[in-house]
C-alpha atoms as a PDB file:
ATOM      1  CA  MET A   1      85.152  62.095 205.590  1.00  0.00           C
ATOM      2  CA  LYS A   2      84.062  65.352 203.764  1.00  0.00           C
ATOM      3  CA  GLN A   3      87.226  65.432 201.961  1.00  0.00           C
ATOM      4  CA  GLN A   4      86.584  61.928 200.776  1.00  0.00           C
ATOM      5  CA  VAL A   5      83.217  62.662 199.373  1.00  0.00           C
ATOM      6  CA  GLN A   6      83.973  65.710 198.010  1.00  0.00           C
ATOM      7  CA  LYS A   7      87.332  64.155 196.256  1.00  0.00           C
ATOM      8  CA  GLN A   8      84.635  61.119 194.794  1.00  0.00           C
ATOM      9  CA  MET A   9      82.031  63.457 193.679  1.00  0.00           C
ATOM     10  CA  GLY A  10      84.851  65.825 192.222  1.00  0.00           C
ATOM     11  CA  GLN A  11      85.745  62.931 190.064  1.00  0.00           C
ATOM     12  CA  ALA A  12      82.668  62.940 188.458  1.00  0.00           C
ATOM     13  CA  PHE A  13      82.970  66.411 186.780  1.00  0.00           C
ATOM     14  CA  PRO A  14      85.166  67.221 184.001  1.00  0.00           C
ATOM     15  CA  LEU A  15      86.755  69.886 185.746  1.00  0.00           C
ATOM     16  CA  GLY A  16      87.710  67.291 188.334  1.00  0.00           C
ATOM     17  CA  TYR A  17      86.630  69.294 191.477  1.00  0.00           C
ATOM     18  CA  LEU A  18      82.844  70.820 192.836  1.00  0.00           C
ATOM     19  CA  GLY A  19      82.839  74.478 192.219  1.00  0.00           C
ATOM     20  CA  ASP A  20      83.296  77.213 194.843  1.00  0.00           C
ATOM     21  CA  PRO A  21      80.426  79.607 194.875  1.00  0.00           C
ATOM     22  CA  LEU A  22      82.304  82.685 195.124  1.00  0.00           C
ATOM     23  CA  LYS A  23      85.214  81.742 192.393  1.00  0.00           C
ATOM     24  CA  ASN A  24      82.550  80.119 189.929  1.00  0.00           C
ATOM     25  CA  ILE A  25      79.071  81.224 190.514  1.00  0.00           C
ATOM     26  CA  ALA A  26      79.886  84.892 191.839  1.00  0.00           C
ATOM     27  CA  PRO A  27      81.398  86.153 188.654  1.00  0.00           C
ATOM     28  CA  ALA A  28      78.441  85.032 186.505  1.00  0.00           C
ATOM     29  CA  LEU A  29      76.146  86.597 188.917  1.00  0.00           C
ATOM     30  CA  VAL A  30      78.158  89.940 188.705  1.00  0.00           C
ATOM     31  CA  PHE A  31      78.206  89.685 185.150  1.00  0.00           C
ATOM     32  CA  LEU A  32      74.380  89.064 184.619  1.00  0.00           C
ATOM     33  CA  ALA A  33      73.239  91.515 187.079  1.00  0.00           C
ATOM     34  CA  SER A  34      75.785  94.354 185.235  1.00  0.00           C
ATOM     35  CA  ASP A  35      75.069  96.676 182.122  1.00  0.00           C
ATOM     36  CA  ALA A  36      77.079  94.198 180.187  1.00  0.00           C
ATOM     37  CA  ALA A  37      74.186  91.792 180.159  1.00  0.00           C
ATOM     38  CA  HIS A  38      71.850  94.193 178.920  1.00  0.00           C
ATOM     39  CA  TYR A  39      71.432  92.456 175.621  1.00  0.00           C
ATOM     40  CA  ILE A  40      70.982  88.831 176.873  1.00  0.00           C
ATOM     41  CA  THR A  41      67.802  87.500 177.210  1.00  0.00           C
ATOM     42  CA  GLY A  42      65.884  84.062 178.198  1.00  0.00           C
ATOM     43  CA  GLN A  43      69.336  82.237 178.446  1.00  0.00           C
ATOM     44  CA  GLN A  44      70.588  79.298 180.530  1.00  0.00           C
ATOM     45  CA  ILE A  45      73.994  79.568 181.880  1.00  0.00           C
ATOM     46  CA  ALA A  46      75.518  76.290 182.741  1.00  0.00           C
ATOM     47  CA  ILE A  47      78.183  76.265 185.478  1.00  0.00           C
ATOM     48  CA  ASN A  48      78.329  72.798 186.392  1.00  0.00           C
ATOM     49  CA  GLY A  49      82.069  72.177 186.017  1.00  0.00           C
ATOM     50  CA  GLY A  50      81.173  70.481 182.699  1.00  0.00           C
ATOM     51  CA  SER A  51      78.854  67.764 184.588  1.00  0.00           C
ATOM     52  CA  ALA A  52      76.192  68.195 181.830  1.00  0.00           C
ATOM     53  CA  MET A  53      78.854  66.910 179.364  1.00  0.00           C
ATOM     54  CA  VAL A  54      77.961  63.962 177.203  1.00  0.00           C
ATOM     55  CA  ARG A  55      79.843  61.430 177.424  1.00  0.00           C
END
């Protein structure tokens, strides 16, 4: 049942799958916490597999 729900939900995302926190969110968090992001202020980074795209 869980796989069926994940498959159905994944079809709603343009990338075709639900994100994995370790593969998709963690790298962005590590970047934002690093010195490489020192010049970024007040931005929203959508880590949503494209689900916010206008269709």
